[in-house]
Amino acid sequence: MKEFFQSPKIKIFLSVLLVLIMLSVFTRNVQNNVVSTSLNALTYGLSKVTAAASQDEKSDKSFDELKAENELLSQANRELRARLVDYYDVKEENTRLWKFYDLKKEHEDFSLIPARVLRRDSNDEFYSFTIDKGTSSAISAGDPVMGENGLIGWIAEADVYTAKVSTVLSPQTGIGAVDNATGDTGVLTGSAKYADRNRVIFSKLNSEHKVKEGDIITSSGSAGIYPKGLVLGEVKEIGYDTYDTSYYAVVEPYDDIKKVVDVAVICGYEGQGEILTGASE
């Protein structure tokens, strides 16, 4: 240890340390922060050097023993990093699922899989997108997809780790729907005319319907494809289709489908598929 303190490098450290101590005592302005930081850094470095020197003097372990200890420490470090990654993955998934707490509370029979939008199809005028969950998470084609405020689409196709979602803005969508206020029934579908405005059509209304602006439209569950009671949106206007000679309502989903990030896939619910799939939905 005596030789350690007689080392030229240690003498330099001690000299600089002494100067910094004097500066920290006599300097009372903003520069004190810099001096203090430097002092702390040097003190920490010196303590590490001293500790290392002490360990070297005391240690009588062989190179192989030290190497084995180092390998064990490295392995433990890798395991801790892996656990930390797993922890953050679980935490993130729980955060996503928490956004759908009210939905799960209202529909305890729902099997919900939280997911996140990976990418969007820039060539699709109906704003389809791909999510980061697939068949390995029990997701399959046809499963309903929820936004934070209501139904926004369905699984068009799925592979092991990802799935493509067609949105309710697409004309390929057909959902049995009902006006909660009046009981009027119809079919909710997408339309090229309204897709860019984030709106859909509640069609097939009879001539004596009582649907009005502000009414909330939900799924009727008439064909066993979509659960009953999913929020689809709010009526914004009423129209008449001269070609089809029927009334319709323009409905706006409560989620902005172009910007949605977090979703939940309903991959199972009580009564799923019990009604003939040939029914109109």
Protein backbone atom coordinates (compact mmCIF):
# COMPACT_ATOMS: atom_id res chain seq x y z
CA MET A 1 0.00 0.00 0.00
CA LYS A 2 2.95 2.34 0.73
CA GLU A 3 4.15 1.94 -2.84
CA PHE A 4 0.64 2.75 -4.05
CA PHE A 5 0.61 6.23 -2.44
CA GLN A 6 4.14 6.90 -3.68
CA SER A 7 3.01 6.39 -7.27
CA PRO A 8 3.44 9.55 -9.46
CA LYS A 9 -0.13 9.22 -10.77
CA ILE A 10 -1.57 9.16 -7.25
CA LYS A 11 0.47 12.20 -6.32
CA ILE A 12 -0.98 14.07 -9.28
CA PHE A 13 -4.50 13.00 -8.28
CA LEU A 14 -3.94 14.22 -4.73
CA SER A 15 -2.50 17.54 -5.91
CA VAL A 16 -5.45 18.24 -8.22
CA LEU A 17 -7.83 17.14 -5.49
CA LEU A 18 -6.28 19.60 -3.05
CA VAL A 19 -6.61 22.47 -5.54
CA LEU A 20 -10.27 21.66 -6.16
CA ILE A 21 -10.99 21.54 -2.43
CA MET A 22 -9.47 24.99 -2.02
CA LEU A 23 -11.51 26.33 -4.94
CA SER A 24 -14.71 24.88 -3.55
CA VAL A 25 -14.08 26.62 -0.22
CA PHE A 26 -13.28 30.09 -1.58
CA THR A 27 -15.56 30.21 -4.65
CA ARG A 28 -19.22 31.14 -4.00
CA ASN A 29 -20.63 31.85 -7.47
CA VAL A 30 -22.24 29.72 -10.18
CA GLN A 31 -18.89 28.11 -11.01
CA ASN A 32 -19.19 26.26 -7.72
CA ASN A 33 -21.43 23.74 -9.50
CA VAL A 34 -18.69 22.95 -12.01
CA VAL A 35 -16.07 22.66 -9.29
CA SER A 36 -18.34 20.50 -7.19
CA THR A 37 -19.09 18.22 -10.15
CA SER A 38 -15.40 17.88 -10.98
CA LEU A 39 -14.58 17.20 -7.36
CA ASN A 40 -17.19 14.49 -7.13
CA ALA A 41 -15.99 12.88 -10.33
CA LEU A 42 -12.37 12.86 -9.25
CA THR A 43 -13.22 11.65 -5.77
CA TYR A 44 -15.26 8.82 -7.22
CA GLY A 45 -12.47 7.91 -9.64
CA LEU A 46 -9.86 8.00 -6.91
CA SER A 47 -11.95 5.79 -4.66
CA LYS A 48 -12.32 3.25 -7.47
CA VAL A 49 -8.56 3.25 -8.11
CA THR A 50 -7.83 2.86 -4.40
CA ALA A 51 -10.35 0.06 -4.06
CA ALA A 52 -8.92 -1.71 -7.09
CA ALA A 53 -5.41 -1.43 -5.69
CA SER A 54 -6.53 -2.78 -2.34
CA GLN A 55 -8.31 -5.68 -3.97
CA ASP A 56 -5.24 -6.51 -6.06
CA GLU A 57 -3.09 -6.66 -2.94
CA LYS A 58 -5.57 -8.80 -1.01
CA SER A 59 -6.65 -11.11 -3.84
CA ASP A 60 -4.84 -14.40 -4.17
CA LYS A 61 -7.32 -15.91 -6.64
CA SER A 62 -6.05 -17.53 -9.79
CA PHE A 63 -6.77 -16.21 -13.27
CA ASP A 64 -9.13 -19.12 -13.96
CA GLU A 65 -11.09 -18.39 -10.78
CA LEU A 66 -11.41 -14.71 -11.66
CA LYS A 67 -12.44 -15.61 -15.21
CA ALA A 68 -15.12 -18.00 -13.92
CA GLU A 69 -16.49 -15.31 -11.57
CA ASN A 70 -16.57 -12.83 -14.44
CA GLU A 71 -18.51 -15.27 -16.62
CA LEU A 72 -21.04 -15.85 -13.82
CA LEU A 73 -21.50 -12.09 -13.39
CA SER A 74 -21.93 -11.64 -17.14
CA GLN A 75 -24.55 -14.41 -17.26
CA ALA A 76 -26.43 -12.87 -14.32
CA ASN A 77 -26.33 -9.49 -16.06
CA ARG A 78 -27.79 -10.99 -19.25
CA GLU A 79 -30.57 -12.67 -17.29
CA LEU A 80 -31.42 -9.41 -15.52
CA ARG A 81 -31.60 -7.57 -18.86
CA ALA A 82 -33.88 -10.25 -20.29
CA ARG A 83 -36.16 -10.03 -17.25
CA LEU A 84 -36.23 -6.26 -17.56
CA VAL A 85 -37.28 -6.53 -21.21
CA ASP A 86 -40.02 -9.00 -20.25
CA TYR A 87 -41.14 -6.65 -17.49
CA TYR A 88 -41.49 -3.70 -19.86
CA ASP A 89 -43.32 -5.87 -22.41
CA VAL A 90 -45.85 -6.98 -19.79
CA LYS A 91 -46.16 -3.43 -18.45
CA GLU A 92 -46.82 -2.04 -21.94
CA GLU A 93 -49.44 -4.73 -22.67
CA ASN A 94 -51.17 -4.05 -19.35
CA THR A 95 -51.21 -0.33 -20.17
CA ARG A 96 -52.86 -1.07 -23.51
CA LEU A 97 -55.39 -3.42 -21.92
CA TRP A 98 -56.22 -0.85 -19.24
CA LYS A 99 -57.57 1.42 -21.99
CA PHE A 100 -60.24 -1.20 -22.62
CA TYR A 101 -61.05 -1.78 -18.96
CA ASP A 102 -64.57 -0.38 -19.28
CA LEU A 103 -65.27 -2.64 -22.27
CA LYS A 104 -64.07 -5.70 -20.38
CA LYS A 105 -66.03 -4.69 -17.29
CA GLU A 106 -69.21 -4.32 -19.33
CA HIS A 107 -68.62 -7.54 -21.30
CA GLU A 108 -66.91 -9.99 -18.94
CA ASP A 109 -67.30 -12.80 -21.47
CA PHE A 110 -65.05 -11.02 -24.00
CA SER A 111 -61.61 -12.46 -24.61
CA LEU A 112 -59.60 -9.33 -25.46
CA ILE A 113 -56.13 -9.21 -27.01
CA PRO A 114 -54.51 -5.75 -26.91
CA ALA A 115 -52.47 -4.81 -29.97
CA ARG A 116 -50.75 -1.85 -31.59
CA VAL A 117 -50.80 -0.55 -35.15
CA LEU A 118 -47.54 -1.46 -36.91
CA ARG A 119 -48.16 0.16 -40.28
CA ARG A 120 -50.91 1.53 -42.50
CA ASP A 121 -51.70 0.75 -46.12
CA SER A 122 -51.09 4.07 -47.85
CA ASN A 123 -52.78 2.77 -51.02
CA ASP A 124 -56.03 1.86 -49.28
CA GLU A 125 -58.60 4.66 -49.31
CA PHE A 126 -60.42 2.95 -46.44
CA TYR A 127 -57.40 3.15 -44.10
CA SER A 128 -56.70 -0.53 -43.41
CA PHE A 129 -53.73 -1.24 -41.14
CA THR A 130 -51.58 -4.05 -39.74
CA ILE A 131 -51.30 -4.85 -36.02
CA ASP A 132 -48.53 -6.53 -34.03
CA LYS A 133 -50.49 -9.63 -33.00
CA GLY A 134 -51.49 -12.70 -35.02
CA THR A 135 -52.52 -16.33 -34.80
CA SER A 136 -49.92 -17.01 -32.09
CA SER A 137 -52.07 -14.75 -29.87
CA ALA A 138 -55.29 -16.63 -30.76
CA ILE A 139 -56.35 -14.00 -33.31
CA SER A 140 -58.11 -15.21 -36.45
CA ALA A 141 -59.82 -13.80 -39.54
CA GLY A 142 -63.22 -12.27 -38.84
CA ASP A 143 -62.48 -11.20 -35.26
CA PRO A 144 -63.91 -7.75 -34.37
CA VAL A 145 -61.38 -4.99 -33.67
CA MET A 146 -62.10 -2.29 -31.09
CA GLY A 147 -60.74 1.21 -30.71
CA GLU A 148 -60.84 2.95 -27.35
CA ASN A 149 -64.39 4.19 -27.98
CA GLY A 150 -66.05 1.59 -30.18
CA LEU A 151 -65.82 -0.92 -33.01
CA ILE A 152 -63.43 0.19 -35.76
CA GLY A 153 -62.93 -2.89 -37.94
CA TRP A 154 -62.34 -6.61 -38.27
CA ILE A 155 -59.46 -8.99 -38.95
CA ALA A 156 -59.25 -9.53 -42.72
CA GLU A 157 -56.29 -11.90 -42.59
CA ALA A 158 -53.77 -13.08 -40.01
CA ASP A 159 -50.37 -14.74 -39.97
CA VAL A 160 -48.39 -15.95 -36.96
CA TYR A 161 -47.27 -12.58 -35.60
CA THR A 162 -49.30 -9.92 -37.40
CA ALA A 163 -52.81 -9.36 -38.74
CA LYS A 164 -54.40 -7.02 -41.29
CA VAL A 165 -57.43 -5.02 -40.18
CA SER A 166 -60.13 -3.84 -42.57
CA THR A 167 -61.88 -0.84 -41.07
CA VAL A 168 -65.58 -0.05 -40.80
CA LEU A 169 -64.92 2.61 -43.46
CA SER A 170 -64.62 -0.14 -46.08
CA PRO A 171 -67.65 -1.12 -48.22
CA GLN A 172 -66.68 -4.73 -47.48
CA THR A 173 -67.86 -4.19 -43.93
CA GLY A 174 -71.43 -5.21 -43.08
CA ILE A 175 -72.63 -5.06 -39.48
CA GLY A 176 -76.16 -5.60 -38.20
CA ALA A 177 -76.93 -2.38 -36.32
CA VAL A 178 -79.63 -0.78 -34.19
CA ASP A 179 -80.51 2.75 -33.09
CA ASN A 180 -80.40 2.64 -29.29
CA ALA A 181 -82.94 5.44 -28.94
CA THR A 182 -85.59 4.30 -31.42
CA GLY A 183 -84.97 0.59 -31.97
CA ASP A 184 -84.70 1.05 -35.75
CA THR A 185 -82.52 -1.62 -37.34
CA GLY A 186 -80.35 -1.62 -40.44
CA VAL A 187 -76.89 -2.43 -41.73
CA LEU A 188 -73.78 -0.37 -41.03
CA THR A 189 -71.29 -0.34 -43.90
CA GLY A 190 -68.47 1.76 -45.29
CA SER A 191 -68.78 4.10 -48.25
CA ALA A 192 -66.24 5.61 -50.64
CA LYS A 193 -68.23 8.83 -50.46
CA TYR A 194 -67.78 9.24 -46.71
CA ALA A 195 -64.59 7.30 -45.83
CA ASP A 196 -62.28 10.30 -46.02
CA ARG A 197 -64.51 12.10 -43.52
CA ASN A 198 -64.26 9.17 -41.09
CA ARG A 199 -67.95 8.35 -41.53
CA VAL A 200 -70.04 5.30 -42.45
CA ILE A 201 -73.59 4.52 -43.58
CA PHE A 202 -76.46 3.10 -41.50
CA SER A 203 -78.59 1.84 -44.38
CA LYS A 204 -81.72 -0.21 -45.11
CA LEU A 205 -83.93 1.96 -42.89
CA ASN A 206 -87.66 1.67 -43.51
CA SER A 207 -89.75 4.63 -44.58
CA GLU A 208 -91.25 5.05 -41.09
CA HIS A 209 -87.95 5.11 -39.24
CA LYS A 210 -87.44 7.52 -36.32
CA VAL A 211 -83.65 7.82 -36.50
CA LYS A 212 -82.43 11.35 -35.84
CA GLU A 213 -79.17 13.25 -35.48
CA GLY A 214 -77.34 12.53 -32.23
CA ASP A 215 -78.64 8.97 -31.85
CA ILE A 216 -76.09 6.32 -30.89
CA ILE A 217 -75.83 3.27 -33.14
CA THR A 218 -74.69 -0.09 -31.76
CA SER A 219 -74.26 -3.61 -33.13
CA SER A 220 -77.37 -5.79 -33.00
CA GLY A 221 -75.54 -9.13 -32.82
CA SER A 222 -78.03 -10.53 -35.30
CA ALA A 223 -75.71 -12.98 -37.01
CA GLY A 224 -73.29 -14.04 -34.27
CA ILE A 225 -70.31 -12.43 -35.99
CA TYR A 226 -70.19 -9.23 -33.95
CA PRO A 227 -71.24 -9.20 -30.28
CA LYS A 228 -74.39 -7.30 -29.41
CA GLY A 229 -74.06 -3.79 -28.00
CA LEU A 230 -70.73 -2.64 -29.50
CA VAL A 231 -70.73 1.12 -30.02
CA LEU A 232 -70.54 1.97 -33.73
CA GLY A 233 -70.93 5.73 -33.70
CA GLU A 234 -73.27 8.72 -33.65
CA VAL A 235 -75.78 9.81 -36.29
CA LYS A 236 -74.71 13.02 -38.02
CA GLU A 237 -77.28 13.35 -40.81
CA ILE A 238 -80.20 11.59 -42.50
CA GLY A 239 -80.36 10.92 -46.26
CA TYR A 240 -82.43 9.23 -48.92
CA ASP A 241 -81.01 6.90 -51.58
CA THR A 242 -83.01 7.49 -54.78
CA TYR A 243 -81.35 4.53 -56.49
CA ASP A 244 -82.18 2.12 -53.66
CA THR A 245 -85.32 4.03 -52.69
CA SER A 246 -84.49 3.77 -49.02
CA TYR A 247 -83.45 6.01 -46.16
CA TYR A 248 -80.04 5.95 -44.54
CA ALA A 249 -78.15 7.75 -41.80
CA VAL A 250 -74.56 9.00 -41.89
CA VAL A 251 -72.75 7.79 -38.76
CA GLU A 252 -69.44 8.98 -37.35
CA PRO A 253 -67.40 6.50 -35.25
CA TYR A 254 -66.12 7.90 -31.96
CA ASP A 255 -62.53 6.98 -32.86
CA ASP A 256 -60.57 8.74 -35.60
CA ILE A 257 -59.73 5.57 -37.53
CA LYS A 258 -56.96 7.28 -39.51
CA LYS A 259 -55.03 7.99 -36.31
CA VAL A 260 -55.84 5.08 -34.02
CA VAL A 261 -52.75 3.48 -32.42
CA ASP A 262 -53.94 1.06 -29.73
CA VAL A 263 -56.66 -1.50 -30.42
CA ALA A 264 -58.15 -4.63 -28.84
CA VAL A 265 -59.19 -7.72 -30.77
CA ILE A 266 -62.24 -9.65 -29.54
CA CYS A 267 -61.12 -13.20 -30.21
CA GLY A 268 -63.92 -14.84 -28.27
CA TYR A 269 -67.24 -14.07 -26.59
CA GLU A 270 -70.29 -15.86 -25.28
CA GLY A 271 -72.66 -16.88 -28.09
CA GLN A 272 -70.10 -16.36 -30.85
CA GLY A 273 -71.17 -18.01 -34.11
CA GLU A 274 -74.37 -19.46 -32.69
CA ILE A 275 -76.57 -17.80 -35.32
CA LEU A 276 -76.32 -18.91 -38.96
CA THR A 277 -73.53 -17.07 -40.76
CA GLY A 278 -75.79 -16.73 -43.77
CA ALA A 279 -77.73 -14.01 -41.97
CA SER A 280 -77.15 -10.47 -43.12
CA GLU A 281 -74.46 -8.84 -40.97
